[in-house]
Amino acid sequence: MTTPVALLVVAKAPIPGLAKTRLAATLGDVAAADIAAAALLDTLDAVSATPVARRVVAMTGDLALACRSAEIAERLSDFTVVEQRGDGFADRLANAHADASRVADGLPVLQIGMDTPQVDADLLGRCARELVGTDAVLGMARDGGWWVLGVTSPSSAECLRDVPMSTAETGAVTLAALRDTGLAVTLVPELADVDTIDDLSDVRRACRPDSRFHAATQTAEV
């Protein structure tokens, strides 16, 4: 059964030198960008397999310069793609929720990034169904951030503009900001995401053995 939710991926073109810079400090620019590309493609596969009403990608960066650019471009043909807009990451997240809701005719929006390639259609489907029955859903990341956020109205994502991103407190501050606006928030399972070399082993073990991420991190000799 199709869940009446728009599933949104907020993504950055995996360009060497610009993608996964903390990972690149250990593995080099090209290897880090290739791992980011693998993570994005695995994420898009999971989203594509999830029974939701709409699938949207908010993209930033020149895809022509990215690793696996042709494969990513072909995969994106199955999605509605919008350009990210805004000066900072928090603004771009809030704007992406608004844009996804607009192109999806006002459906609730469930948003993920490209740092949790271990997600699958079953988990995303469960998160989407949870969103239908509440104001918001939030899944914490082990580093203190969050990996998934769902809201029934884009106005509920406006509080993100005041949340410091990419810190060890981002998840807790986001949860407090949502609750401070009067929203009922359902917490969904915590996941590890990929930022540094120390994250790769845990995430790879959680991925399918035949996934792109699993293969890319093995060849990176981590």
N, C-alpha and C. Protein backbone atom coordinates (compact mmCIF):
# COMPACT_ATOMS: atom_id res chain seq x y z
N MET A 1 0.84 -1.19 0.00
CA MET A 1 0.00 0.00 0.00
C MET A 1 0.88 1.25 0.00
N THR A 2 0.53 2.20 -0.85
CA THR A 2 1.31 3.43 -0.96
C THR A 2 0.97 4.38 0.18
N THR A 3 1.98 4.88 0.86
CA THR A 3 1.79 5.83 1.95
C THR A 3 1.75 7.24 1.38
N PRO A 4 0.78 8.06 1.76
CA PRO A 4 0.66 9.41 1.21
C PRO A 4 1.67 10.38 1.82
N VAL A 5 2.91 10.17 1.47
CA VAL A 5 4.04 10.96 1.97
C VAL A 5 4.99 11.22 0.81
N ALA A 6 5.64 12.37 0.81
CA ALA A 6 6.73 12.64 -0.13
C ALA A 6 8.05 12.35 0.57
N LEU A 7 8.85 11.50 -0.03
CA LEU A 7 10.16 11.16 0.52
C LEU A 7 11.21 12.03 -0.16
N LEU A 8 11.91 12.82 0.62
CA LEU A 8 12.85 13.83 0.13
C LEU A 8 14.28 13.45 0.49
N VAL A 9 15.16 13.47 -0.49
CA VAL A 9 16.60 13.28 -0.26
C VAL A 9 17.29 14.62 -0.48
N VAL A 10 17.99 15.11 0.52
CA VAL A 10 18.80 16.33 0.39
C VAL A 10 20.23 15.88 0.09
N ALA A 11 20.73 16.24 -1.09
CA ALA A 11 21.98 15.66 -1.57
C ALA A 11 22.92 16.73 -2.13
N LYS A 12 24.19 16.41 -2.07
CA LYS A 12 25.25 17.27 -2.61
C LYS A 12 26.01 16.47 -3.66
N ALA A 13 26.23 17.06 -4.82
CA ALA A 13 26.97 16.37 -5.87
C ALA A 13 28.34 15.93 -5.32
N PRO A 14 28.67 14.64 -5.44
CA PRO A 14 29.93 14.14 -4.85
C PRO A 14 31.15 14.49 -5.72
N ILE A 15 31.58 15.73 -5.60
CA ILE A 15 32.69 16.26 -6.39
C ILE A 15 33.98 16.13 -5.59
N PRO A 16 35.03 15.55 -6.17
CA PRO A 16 36.30 15.45 -5.44
C PRO A 16 36.78 16.83 -4.99
N GLY A 17 37.17 16.90 -3.74
CA GLY A 17 37.63 18.15 -3.16
C GLY A 17 36.54 18.91 -2.44
N LEU A 18 35.28 18.58 -2.74
CA LEU A 18 34.15 19.26 -2.11
C LEU A 18 33.28 18.32 -1.29
N ALA A 19 33.33 17.04 -1.59
CA ALA A 19 32.48 16.06 -0.91
C ALA A 19 33.27 15.34 0.19
N LYS A 20 32.61 15.17 1.32
CA LYS A 20 33.19 14.39 2.43
C LYS A 20 34.62 14.81 2.74
N THR A 21 34.79 16.09 3.05
CA THR A 21 36.14 16.62 3.24
C THR A 21 36.84 16.02 4.47
N ARG A 22 36.06 15.70 5.52
CA ARG A 22 36.70 15.07 6.69
C ARG A 22 37.17 13.66 6.36
N LEU A 23 36.42 12.97 5.54
CA LEU A 23 36.85 11.65 5.09
C LEU A 23 38.03 11.77 4.13
N ALA A 24 38.00 12.80 3.30
CA ALA A 24 39.08 13.01 2.32
C ALA A 24 40.41 13.29 3.00
N ALA A 25 40.39 13.83 4.21
CA ALA A 25 41.64 14.09 4.91
C ALA A 25 42.42 12.82 5.15
N THR A 26 41.73 11.68 5.20
CA THR A 26 42.38 10.39 5.41
C THR A 26 42.55 9.62 4.11
N LEU A 27 41.50 9.61 3.27
CA LEU A 27 41.48 8.74 2.09
C LEU A 27 41.86 9.45 0.79
N GLY A 28 41.85 10.77 0.79
CA GLY A 28 42.06 11.51 -0.45
C GLY A 28 40.74 11.96 -1.06
N ASP A 29 40.80 12.98 -1.90
CA ASP A 29 39.59 13.60 -2.44
C ASP A 29 38.77 12.65 -3.31
N VAL A 30 39.44 11.92 -4.19
CA VAL A 30 38.70 11.08 -5.14
C VAL A 30 38.05 9.90 -4.43
N ALA A 31 38.76 9.24 -3.55
CA ALA A 31 38.19 8.10 -2.84
C ALA A 31 37.00 8.53 -1.98
N ALA A 32 37.14 9.68 -1.30
CA ALA A 32 36.05 10.16 -0.45
C ALA A 32 34.82 10.51 -1.29
N ALA A 33 35.03 11.14 -2.43
CA ALA A 33 33.91 11.50 -3.30
C ALA A 33 33.25 10.26 -3.90
N ASP A 34 34.05 9.25 -4.20
CA ASP A 34 33.47 8.01 -4.74
C ASP A 34 32.62 7.31 -3.69
N ILE A 35 33.06 7.32 -2.44
CA ILE A 35 32.27 6.74 -1.35
C ILE A 35 30.97 7.53 -1.19
N ALA A 36 31.05 8.86 -1.28
CA ALA A 36 29.83 9.68 -1.20
C ALA A 36 28.88 9.35 -2.33
N ALA A 37 29.42 9.14 -3.54
CA ALA A 37 28.57 8.79 -4.68
C ALA A 37 27.90 7.44 -4.47
N ALA A 38 28.65 6.49 -3.94
CA ALA A 38 28.08 5.17 -3.66
C ALA A 38 26.96 5.27 -2.63
N ALA A 39 27.19 6.08 -1.60
CA ALA A 39 26.17 6.27 -0.56
C ALA A 39 24.92 6.90 -1.15
N LEU A 40 25.08 7.89 -2.00
CA LEU A 40 23.93 8.55 -2.62
C LEU A 40 23.14 7.56 -3.48
N LEU A 41 23.83 6.78 -4.29
CA LEU A 41 23.14 5.84 -5.17
C LEU A 41 22.40 4.76 -4.38
N ASP A 42 23.02 4.25 -3.33
CA ASP A 42 22.33 3.26 -2.50
C ASP A 42 21.10 3.88 -1.83
N THR A 43 21.22 5.14 -1.40
CA THR A 43 20.09 5.83 -0.79
C THR A 43 18.96 6.01 -1.79
N LEU A 44 19.30 6.41 -3.00
CA LEU A 44 18.26 6.59 -4.02
C LEU A 44 17.57 5.27 -4.34
N ASP A 45 18.32 4.18 -4.35
CA ASP A 45 17.70 2.86 -4.57
C ASP A 45 16.69 2.54 -3.48
N ALA A 46 17.06 2.82 -2.22
CA ALA A 46 16.16 2.54 -1.11
C ALA A 46 14.90 3.39 -1.20
N VAL A 47 15.07 4.66 -1.53
CA VAL A 47 13.92 5.56 -1.66
C VAL A 47 13.02 5.11 -2.81
N SER A 48 13.64 4.73 -3.91
CA SER A 48 12.86 4.28 -5.07
C SER A 48 12.01 3.06 -4.74
N ALA A 49 12.50 2.20 -3.86
CA ALA A 49 11.79 0.97 -3.51
C ALA A 49 10.76 1.17 -2.41
N THR A 50 10.70 2.36 -1.82
CA THR A 50 9.78 2.62 -0.72
C THR A 50 8.41 3.00 -1.27
N PRO A 51 7.34 2.40 -0.80
CA PRO A 51 6.00 2.66 -1.35
C PRO A 51 5.40 3.96 -0.82
N VAL A 52 5.89 5.08 -1.34
CA VAL A 52 5.37 6.40 -0.99
C VAL A 52 4.81 7.06 -2.24
N ALA A 53 4.06 8.15 -2.03
CA ALA A 53 3.35 8.78 -3.15
C ALA A 53 4.28 9.58 -4.06
N ARG A 54 5.29 10.24 -3.49
CA ARG A 54 6.20 11.06 -4.31
C ARG A 54 7.63 10.91 -3.80
N ARG A 55 8.58 11.09 -4.72
CA ARG A 55 10.00 11.01 -4.39
C ARG A 55 10.69 12.23 -4.97
N VAL A 56 11.39 12.98 -4.12
CA VAL A 56 11.99 14.26 -4.50
C VAL A 56 13.44 14.27 -4.05
N VAL A 57 14.30 14.86 -4.87
CA VAL A 57 15.70 15.10 -4.49
C VAL A 57 15.97 16.59 -4.56
N ALA A 58 16.47 17.17 -3.49
CA ALA A 58 16.96 18.54 -3.49
C ALA A 58 18.47 18.48 -3.63
N MET A 59 18.97 18.94 -4.77
CA MET A 59 20.38 18.75 -5.13
C MET A 59 21.11 20.08 -5.17
N THR A 60 22.39 20.04 -4.77
CA THR A 60 23.26 21.18 -4.96
C THR A 60 24.58 20.70 -5.54
N GLY A 61 25.24 21.55 -6.32
CA GLY A 61 26.52 21.21 -6.92
C GLY A 61 26.39 20.79 -8.37
N ASP A 62 27.51 20.87 -9.09
CA ASP A 62 27.55 20.54 -10.51
C ASP A 62 27.73 19.03 -10.68
N LEU A 63 26.66 18.35 -11.03
CA LEU A 63 26.70 16.90 -11.14
C LEU A 63 27.67 16.43 -12.22
N ALA A 64 27.91 17.25 -13.22
CA ALA A 64 28.82 16.87 -14.30
C ALA A 64 30.25 16.66 -13.79
N LEU A 65 30.59 17.28 -12.67
CA LEU A 65 31.94 17.16 -12.11
C LEU A 65 32.05 16.07 -11.05
N ALA A 66 30.94 15.39 -10.79
CA ALA A 66 30.88 14.45 -9.68
C ALA A 66 31.39 13.06 -10.07
N CYS A 67 31.82 12.30 -9.08
CA CYS A 67 32.09 10.89 -9.28
C CYS A 67 30.79 10.17 -9.63
N ARG A 68 30.88 9.19 -10.53
CA ARG A 68 29.73 8.40 -10.96
C ARG A 68 28.60 9.28 -11.48
N SER A 69 28.97 10.38 -12.15
CA SER A 69 27.97 11.37 -12.56
C SER A 69 26.92 10.79 -13.50
N ALA A 70 27.34 9.96 -14.45
CA ALA A 70 26.37 9.41 -15.41
C ALA A 70 25.38 8.48 -14.70
N GLU A 71 25.89 7.66 -13.79
CA GLU A 71 25.01 6.74 -13.07
C GLU A 71 24.04 7.50 -12.18
N ILE A 72 24.52 8.55 -11.52
CA ILE A 72 23.64 9.35 -10.66
C ILE A 72 22.58 10.05 -11.50
N ALA A 73 22.99 10.64 -12.62
CA ALA A 73 22.03 11.34 -13.48
C ALA A 73 20.95 10.39 -13.97
N GLU A 74 21.33 9.18 -14.35
CA GLU A 74 20.34 8.21 -14.80
C GLU A 74 19.39 7.84 -13.66
N ARG A 75 19.93 7.67 -12.45
CA ARG A 75 19.08 7.30 -11.31
C ARG A 75 18.12 8.41 -10.96
N LEU A 76 18.56 9.65 -11.11
CA LEU A 76 17.72 10.79 -10.77
C LEU A 76 16.55 10.97 -11.72
N SER A 77 16.59 10.29 -12.86
CA SER A 77 15.48 10.42 -13.82
C SER A 77 14.17 9.88 -13.23
N ASP A 78 14.26 9.08 -12.19
CA ASP A 78 13.06 8.54 -11.54
C ASP A 78 12.52 9.44 -10.44
N PHE A 79 13.16 10.60 -10.23
CA PHE A 79 12.80 11.49 -9.13
C PHE A 79 12.43 12.87 -9.67
N THR A 80 11.66 13.61 -8.88
CA THR A 80 11.51 15.04 -9.11
C THR A 80 12.70 15.72 -8.47
N VAL A 81 13.47 16.47 -9.24
CA VAL A 81 14.70 17.11 -8.73
C VAL A 81 14.48 18.61 -8.64
N VAL A 82 14.78 19.17 -7.46
CA VAL A 82 14.74 20.61 -7.26
C VAL A 82 16.11 21.08 -6.82
N GLU A 83 16.42 22.34 -7.11
CA GLU A 83 17.70 22.91 -6.69
C GLU A 83 17.59 23.37 -5.24
N GLN A 84 18.63 23.09 -4.46
CA GLN A 84 18.68 23.64 -3.12
C GLN A 84 18.83 25.15 -3.20
N ARG A 85 18.24 25.84 -2.25
CA ARG A 85 18.36 27.30 -2.21
C ARG A 85 18.50 27.75 -0.75
N GLY A 86 19.26 28.81 -0.56
CA GLY A 86 19.51 29.32 0.79
C GLY A 86 20.98 29.52 1.02
N ASP A 87 21.31 30.35 2.00
CA ASP A 87 22.71 30.70 2.25
C ASP A 87 23.44 29.66 3.08
N GLY A 88 22.80 29.07 4.05
CA GLY A 88 23.43 28.07 4.90
C GLY A 88 22.67 26.77 4.85
N PHE A 89 23.26 25.72 5.46
CA PHE A 89 22.64 24.40 5.40
C PHE A 89 21.27 24.38 6.07
N ALA A 90 21.14 25.07 7.19
CA ALA A 90 19.85 25.09 7.89
C ALA A 90 18.77 25.72 7.01
N ASP A 91 19.09 26.83 6.35
CA ASP A 91 18.13 27.45 5.45
C ASP A 91 17.80 26.54 4.28
N ARG A 92 18.80 25.86 3.74
CA ARG A 92 18.56 24.98 2.61
C ARG A 92 17.67 23.79 2.99
N LEU A 93 17.82 23.29 4.22
CA LEU A 93 16.94 22.22 4.67
C LEU A 93 15.50 22.69 4.77
N ALA A 94 15.28 23.83 5.41
CA ALA A 94 13.93 24.36 5.55
C ALA A 94 13.31 24.64 4.19
N ASN A 95 14.10 25.21 3.29
CA ASN A 95 13.59 25.50 1.95
C ASN A 95 13.30 24.22 1.17
N ALA A 96 14.10 23.20 1.37
CA ALA A 96 13.88 21.93 0.67
C ALA A 96 12.55 21.31 1.10
N HIS A 97 12.23 21.41 2.39
CA HIS A 97 10.93 20.92 2.85
C HIS A 97 9.80 21.66 2.17
N ALA A 98 9.93 22.97 2.07
CA ALA A 98 8.89 23.77 1.43
C ALA A 98 8.77 23.41 -0.05
N ASP A 99 9.90 23.26 -0.73
CA ASP A 99 9.87 22.95 -2.16
C ASP A 99 9.32 21.56 -2.42
N ALA A 100 9.70 20.60 -1.57
CA ALA A 100 9.19 19.24 -1.75
C ALA A 100 7.68 19.19 -1.52
N SER A 101 7.21 19.90 -0.49
CA SER A 101 5.77 19.94 -0.24
C SER A 101 5.04 20.56 -1.42
N ARG A 102 5.64 21.60 -1.99
CA ARG A 102 5.00 22.28 -3.14
C ARG A 102 4.87 21.35 -4.34
N VAL A 103 5.95 20.68 -4.71
CA VAL A 103 5.90 19.82 -5.90
C VAL A 103 5.10 18.55 -5.65
N ALA A 104 4.89 18.22 -4.36
CA ALA A 104 4.12 17.02 -4.00
C ALA A 104 2.70 17.37 -3.58
N ASP A 105 2.25 18.56 -3.96
CA ASP A 105 0.86 18.96 -3.71
C ASP A 105 0.48 18.93 -2.24
N GLY A 106 1.42 19.36 -1.38
CA GLY A 106 1.12 19.51 0.03
C GLY A 106 1.21 18.26 0.87
N LEU A 107 1.75 17.17 0.34
CA LEU A 107 1.91 15.95 1.13
C LEU A 107 2.89 16.17 2.29
N PRO A 108 2.74 15.41 3.38
CA PRO A 108 3.79 15.42 4.41
C PRO A 108 5.13 15.04 3.78
N VAL A 109 6.20 15.58 4.32
CA VAL A 109 7.54 15.37 3.75
C VAL A 109 8.43 14.65 4.76
N LEU A 110 9.00 13.54 4.33
CA LEU A 110 9.97 12.78 5.12
C LEU A 110 11.33 12.95 4.47
N GLN A 111 12.25 13.58 5.18
CA GLN A 111 13.53 13.97 4.58
C GLN A 111 14.71 13.21 5.17
N ILE A 112 15.57 12.74 4.29
CA ILE A 112 16.83 12.12 4.70
C ILE A 112 17.97 12.76 3.91
N GLY A 113 19.19 12.45 4.31
CA GLY A 113 20.36 12.89 3.57
C GLY A 113 20.95 11.73 2.79
N MET A 114 22.26 11.84 2.51
CA MET A 114 22.94 10.79 1.74
C MET A 114 24.06 10.14 2.56
N ASP A 115 23.96 10.28 3.90
CA ASP A 115 25.01 9.79 4.78
C ASP A 115 24.66 8.49 5.48
N THR A 116 23.49 7.92 5.17
CA THR A 116 23.06 6.67 5.80
C THR A 116 22.69 5.66 4.71
N PRO A 117 23.68 5.17 3.97
CA PRO A 117 23.39 4.25 2.86
C PRO A 117 22.85 2.90 3.31
N GLN A 118 22.86 2.65 4.63
CA GLN A 118 22.32 1.39 5.14
C GLN A 118 20.80 1.39 5.20
N VAL A 119 20.15 2.54 4.97
CA VAL A 119 18.68 2.56 5.03
C VAL A 119 18.11 1.65 3.94
N ASP A 120 16.94 1.10 4.23
CA ASP A 120 16.27 0.28 3.23
C ASP A 120 14.80 0.68 3.15
N ALA A 121 14.10 0.09 2.20
CA ALA A 121 12.71 0.45 1.97
C ALA A 121 11.84 0.12 3.18
N ASP A 122 12.17 -0.92 3.91
CA ASP A 122 11.38 -1.30 5.07
C ASP A 122 11.45 -0.22 6.14
N LEU A 123 12.65 0.24 6.46
CA LEU A 123 12.81 1.27 7.48
C LEU A 123 12.17 2.58 7.04
N LEU A 124 12.42 2.98 5.80
CA LEU A 124 11.85 4.22 5.31
C LEU A 124 10.32 4.15 5.26
N GLY A 125 9.81 2.99 4.88
CA GLY A 125 8.37 2.81 4.86
C GLY A 125 7.76 2.94 6.24
N ARG A 126 8.44 2.37 7.25
CA ARG A 126 7.94 2.48 8.62
C ARG A 126 7.96 3.93 9.09
N CYS A 127 9.00 4.66 8.75
CA CYS A 127 9.08 6.08 9.12
C CYS A 127 7.95 6.88 8.45
N ALA A 128 7.69 6.57 7.19
CA ALA A 128 6.62 7.27 6.47
C ALA A 128 5.27 6.99 7.11
N ARG A 129 5.03 5.76 7.48
CA ARG A 129 3.74 5.43 8.12
C ARG A 129 3.60 6.09 9.48
N GLU A 130 4.71 6.20 10.20
CA GLU A 130 4.68 6.90 11.49
C GLU A 130 4.29 8.37 11.28
N LEU A 131 4.81 8.98 10.21
CA LEU A 131 4.55 10.39 9.96
C LEU A 131 3.07 10.65 9.70
N VAL A 132 2.40 9.71 9.06
CA VAL A 132 0.98 9.89 8.77
C VAL A 132 0.17 10.05 10.05
N GLY A 133 0.64 9.46 11.14
CA GLY A 133 -0.13 9.47 12.37
C GLY A 133 0.33 10.46 13.42
N THR A 134 1.24 11.38 13.08
CA THR A 134 1.75 12.32 14.08
C THR A 134 2.13 13.62 13.40
N ASP A 135 2.63 14.59 14.18
CA ASP A 135 3.03 15.88 13.61
C ASP A 135 4.41 15.81 12.95
N ALA A 136 5.30 15.05 13.58
CA ALA A 136 6.69 15.00 13.10
C ALA A 136 7.34 13.70 13.54
N VAL A 137 8.32 13.25 12.77
CA VAL A 137 9.17 12.14 13.18
C VAL A 137 10.62 12.60 13.09
N LEU A 138 11.45 12.04 13.96
CA LEU A 138 12.86 12.39 14.01
C LEU A 138 13.66 11.16 14.35
N GLY A 139 14.72 10.91 13.59
CA GLY A 139 15.62 9.81 13.86
C GLY A 139 17.00 10.36 14.17
N MET A 140 17.49 10.10 15.36
CA MET A 140 18.78 10.62 15.78
C MET A 140 19.93 9.85 15.13
N ALA A 141 21.04 10.53 14.94
CA ALA A 141 22.28 9.91 14.49
C ALA A 141 23.21 9.74 15.69
N ARG A 142 24.07 8.76 15.61
CA ARG A 142 24.93 8.44 16.76
C ARG A 142 25.93 9.53 17.08
N ASP A 143 26.21 10.41 16.12
CA ASP A 143 27.17 11.48 16.37
C ASP A 143 26.53 12.71 16.99
N GLY A 144 25.24 12.62 17.31
CA GLY A 144 24.56 13.75 17.93
C GLY A 144 23.68 14.53 16.99
N GLY A 145 23.75 14.23 15.70
CA GLY A 145 22.88 14.87 14.73
C GLY A 145 21.59 14.09 14.55
N TRP A 146 21.00 14.19 13.36
CA TRP A 146 19.84 13.37 13.03
C TRP A 146 19.94 12.94 11.57
N TRP A 147 19.31 11.80 11.27
CA TRP A 147 19.41 11.27 9.91
C TRP A 147 18.09 11.36 9.15
N VAL A 148 16.97 11.51 9.85
CA VAL A 148 15.68 11.62 9.18
C VAL A 148 14.80 12.59 9.95
N LEU A 149 14.07 13.41 9.19
CA LEU A 149 13.10 14.33 9.77
C LEU A 149 11.87 14.35 8.89
N GLY A 150 10.73 14.12 9.49
CA GLY A 150 9.47 14.20 8.76
C GLY A 150 8.54 15.19 9.42
N VAL A 151 7.88 16.01 8.61
CA VAL A 151 6.89 16.96 9.13
C VAL A 151 5.67 16.93 8.22
N THR A 152 4.51 17.18 8.81
CA THR A 152 3.28 17.15 8.02
C THR A 152 3.04 18.45 7.28
N SER A 153 3.70 19.53 7.72
CA SER A 153 3.56 20.83 7.07
C SER A 153 4.93 21.47 6.96
N PRO A 154 5.26 22.10 5.82
CA PRO A 154 6.58 22.73 5.70
C PRO A 154 6.81 23.84 6.71
N SER A 155 5.73 24.43 7.23
CA SER A 155 5.91 25.46 8.25
C SER A 155 6.57 24.89 9.51
N SER A 156 6.39 23.60 9.73
CA SER A 156 7.00 22.97 10.90
C SER A 156 8.51 22.86 10.78
N ALA A 157 9.02 22.90 9.55
CA ALA A 157 10.47 22.84 9.33
C ALA A 157 11.14 24.20 9.44
N GLU A 158 10.35 25.26 9.59
CA GLU A 158 10.93 26.59 9.69
C GLU A 158 11.84 26.73 10.91
N CYS A 159 11.57 25.97 11.97
CA CYS A 159 12.40 26.05 13.16
C CYS A 159 13.84 25.60 12.91
N LEU A 160 14.06 24.86 11.81
CA LEU A 160 15.42 24.42 11.49
C LEU A 160 16.36 25.59 11.22
N ARG A 161 15.81 26.71 10.80
CA ARG A 161 16.67 27.86 10.45
C ARG A 161 17.49 28.35 11.63
N ASP A 162 17.01 28.09 12.85
CA ASP A 162 17.72 28.55 14.05
C ASP A 162 18.50 27.43 14.74
N VAL A 163 18.59 26.26 14.10
CA VAL A 163 19.29 25.13 14.71
C VAL A 163 20.73 25.08 14.18
N PRO A 164 21.74 25.10 15.05
CA PRO A 164 23.12 24.93 14.58
C PRO A 164 23.30 23.51 14.00
N MET A 165 23.77 23.45 12.78
CA MET A 165 23.92 22.17 12.11
C MET A 165 25.33 21.61 12.28
N SER A 166 25.43 20.29 12.13
CA SER A 166 26.71 19.58 12.14
C SER A 166 27.46 19.76 13.46
N THR A 167 26.72 19.69 14.56
CA THR A 167 27.34 19.71 15.88
C THR A 167 26.86 18.48 16.66
N ALA A 168 27.48 18.23 17.78
CA ALA A 168 27.08 17.10 18.62
C ALA A 168 25.74 17.33 19.31
N GLU A 169 25.21 18.54 19.22
CA GLU A 169 23.93 18.87 19.85
C GLU A 169 22.80 19.08 18.85
N THR A 170 23.08 18.91 17.55
CA THR A 170 22.08 19.22 16.53
C THR A 170 20.79 18.42 16.72
N GLY A 171 20.91 17.14 17.00
CA GLY A 171 19.72 16.31 17.18
C GLY A 171 18.88 16.77 18.35
N ALA A 172 19.52 16.99 19.50
CA ALA A 172 18.79 17.40 20.70
C ALA A 172 18.15 18.77 20.51
N VAL A 173 18.87 19.69 19.87
CA VAL A 173 18.33 21.03 19.65
C VAL A 173 17.18 20.98 18.66
N THR A 174 17.29 20.14 17.64
CA THR A 174 16.19 20.00 16.68
C THR A 174 14.94 19.45 17.35
N LEU A 175 15.11 18.42 18.17
CA LEU A 175 13.97 17.85 18.89
C LEU A 175 13.31 18.90 19.78
N ALA A 176 14.11 19.66 20.50
CA ALA A 176 13.56 20.70 21.37
C ALA A 176 12.85 21.77 20.56
N ALA A 177 13.43 22.15 19.42
CA ALA A 177 12.82 23.18 18.58
C ALA A 177 11.47 22.73 18.04
N LEU A 178 11.38 21.48 17.63
CA LEU A 178 10.10 20.95 17.13
C LEU A 178 9.06 20.94 18.25
N ARG A 179 9.45 20.46 19.41
CA ARG A 179 8.51 20.38 20.53
C ARG A 179 8.12 21.77 21.04
N ASP A 180 9.04 22.72 20.94
CA ASP A 180 8.73 24.08 21.39
C ASP A 180 7.67 24.74 20.52
N THR A 181 7.51 24.27 19.29
CA THR A 181 6.46 24.82 18.43
C THR A 181 5.13 24.11 18.64
N GLY A 182 5.09 23.18 19.60
CA GLY A 182 3.85 22.50 19.92
C GLY A 182 3.61 21.21 19.17
N LEU A 183 4.63 20.70 18.47
CA LEU A 183 4.47 19.49 17.68
C LEU A 183 4.63 18.24 18.53
N ALA A 184 3.84 17.23 18.21
CA ALA A 184 4.05 15.89 18.76
C ALA A 184 5.08 15.19 17.89
N VAL A 185 6.20 14.80 18.49
CA VAL A 185 7.32 14.22 17.74
C VAL A 185 7.47 12.74 18.09
N THR A 186 7.45 11.89 17.07
CA THR A 186 7.70 10.46 17.26
C THR A 186 9.15 10.17 16.90
N LEU A 187 9.87 9.55 17.81
CA LEU A 187 11.26 9.19 17.55
C LEU A 187 11.32 7.82 16.88
N VAL A 188 12.16 7.73 15.85
CA VAL A 188 12.35 6.48 15.11
C VAL A 188 13.78 6.01 15.34
N PRO A 189 14.16 4.81 14.87
CA PRO A 189 15.46 4.25 15.25
C PRO A 189 16.66 5.14 14.94
N GLU A 190 17.62 5.09 15.83
CA GLU A 190 18.90 5.80 15.66
C GLU A 190 19.77 5.04 14.66
N LEU A 191 20.53 5.79 13.86
CA LEU A 191 21.47 5.19 12.91
C LEU A 191 22.82 5.90 13.01
N ALA A 192 23.87 5.18 12.60
CA ALA A 192 25.17 5.80 12.39
C ALA A 192 25.20 6.41 11.00
N ASP A 193 25.83 7.57 10.87
CA ASP A 193 26.01 8.14 9.54
C ASP A 193 27.50 8.27 9.23
N VAL A 194 27.79 8.66 8.01
CA VAL A 194 29.17 8.64 7.52
C VAL A 194 29.72 10.06 7.46
N ASP A 195 30.69 10.36 8.29
CA ASP A 195 31.37 11.64 8.24
C ASP A 195 32.89 11.49 8.20
N THR A 196 33.41 10.54 9.00
CA THR A 196 34.85 10.38 9.11
C THR A 196 35.23 8.92 8.88
N ILE A 197 36.52 8.67 8.85
CA ILE A 197 37.03 7.33 8.63
C ILE A 197 36.54 6.36 9.70
N ASP A 198 36.33 6.86 10.92
CA ASP A 198 35.90 5.99 12.02
C ASP A 198 34.47 5.49 11.85
N ASP A 199 33.69 6.15 10.98
CA ASP A 199 32.29 5.76 10.78
C ASP A 199 32.12 4.63 9.77
N LEU A 200 33.11 4.43 8.93
CA LEU A 200 32.91 3.57 7.76
C LEU A 200 32.63 2.11 8.12
N SER A 201 33.36 1.57 9.07
CA SER A 201 33.21 0.14 9.37
C SER A 201 31.81 -0.19 9.87
N ASP A 202 31.29 0.63 10.79
CA ASP A 202 29.95 0.36 11.33
C ASP A 202 28.89 0.46 10.25
N VAL A 203 28.98 1.48 9.42
CA VAL A 203 27.97 1.66 8.38
C VAL A 203 28.09 0.56 7.33
N ARG A 204 29.32 0.19 6.97
CA ARG A 204 29.49 -0.87 5.98
C ARG A 204 28.89 -2.18 6.46
N ARG A 205 29.08 -2.50 7.74
CA ARG A 205 28.51 -3.73 8.27
C ARG A 205 26.99 -3.73 8.22
N ALA A 206 26.39 -2.55 8.30
CA ALA A 206 24.93 -2.45 8.27
C ALA A 206 24.37 -2.44 6.86
N CYS A 207 25.24 -2.31 5.86
CA CYS A 207 24.80 -2.29 4.46
C CYS A 207 24.72 -3.71 3.89
N ARG A 208 23.97 -3.86 2.83
CA ARG A 208 23.94 -5.14 2.13
C ARG A 208 25.32 -5.43 1.55
N PRO A 209 25.76 -6.69 1.55
CA PRO A 209 27.07 -7.03 1.00
C PRO A 209 27.20 -6.67 -0.48
N ASP A 210 26.06 -6.61 -1.21
CA ASP A 210 26.12 -6.28 -2.62
C ASP A 210 25.89 -4.80 -2.90
N SER A 211 25.92 -3.97 -1.86
CA SER A 211 25.67 -2.54 -2.04
C SER A 211 26.91 -1.84 -2.62
N ARG A 212 26.69 -0.72 -3.23
CA ARG A 212 27.80 0.07 -3.77
C ARG A 212 28.69 0.57 -2.65
N PHE A 213 28.06 0.98 -1.54
CA PHE A 213 28.85 1.50 -0.42
C PHE A 213 29.77 0.44 0.15
N HIS A 214 29.26 -0.76 0.28
CA HIS A 214 30.08 -1.86 0.81
C HIS A 214 31.30 -2.06 -0.09
N ALA A 215 31.09 -2.08 -1.39
CA ALA A 215 32.20 -2.28 -2.33
C ALA A 215 33.17 -1.11 -2.32
N ALA A 216 32.64 0.12 -2.30
CA ALA A 216 33.49 1.31 -2.37
C ALA A 216 34.36 1.42 -1.14
N THR A 217 33.85 1.07 0.02
CA THR A 217 34.66 1.20 1.23
C THR A 217 35.68 0.07 1.36
N GLN A 218 35.38 -1.06 0.79
CA GLN A 218 36.38 -2.14 0.77
C GLN A 218 37.56 -1.77 -0.11
N THR A 219 37.29 -1.24 -1.29
CA THR A 219 38.38 -0.86 -2.20
C THR A 219 39.17 0.32 -1.68
N ALA A 220 38.56 1.09 -0.77
CA ALA A 220 39.29 2.20 -0.16
C ALA A 220 40.25 1.72 0.93
N GLU A 221 40.22 0.39 1.23
CA GLU A 221 41.12 -0.20 2.21
C GLU A 221 40.96 0.43 3.58
N VAL A 222 39.70 0.47 4.05
CA VAL A 222 39.47 1.02 5.39
C VAL A 222 39.27 -0.13 6.37
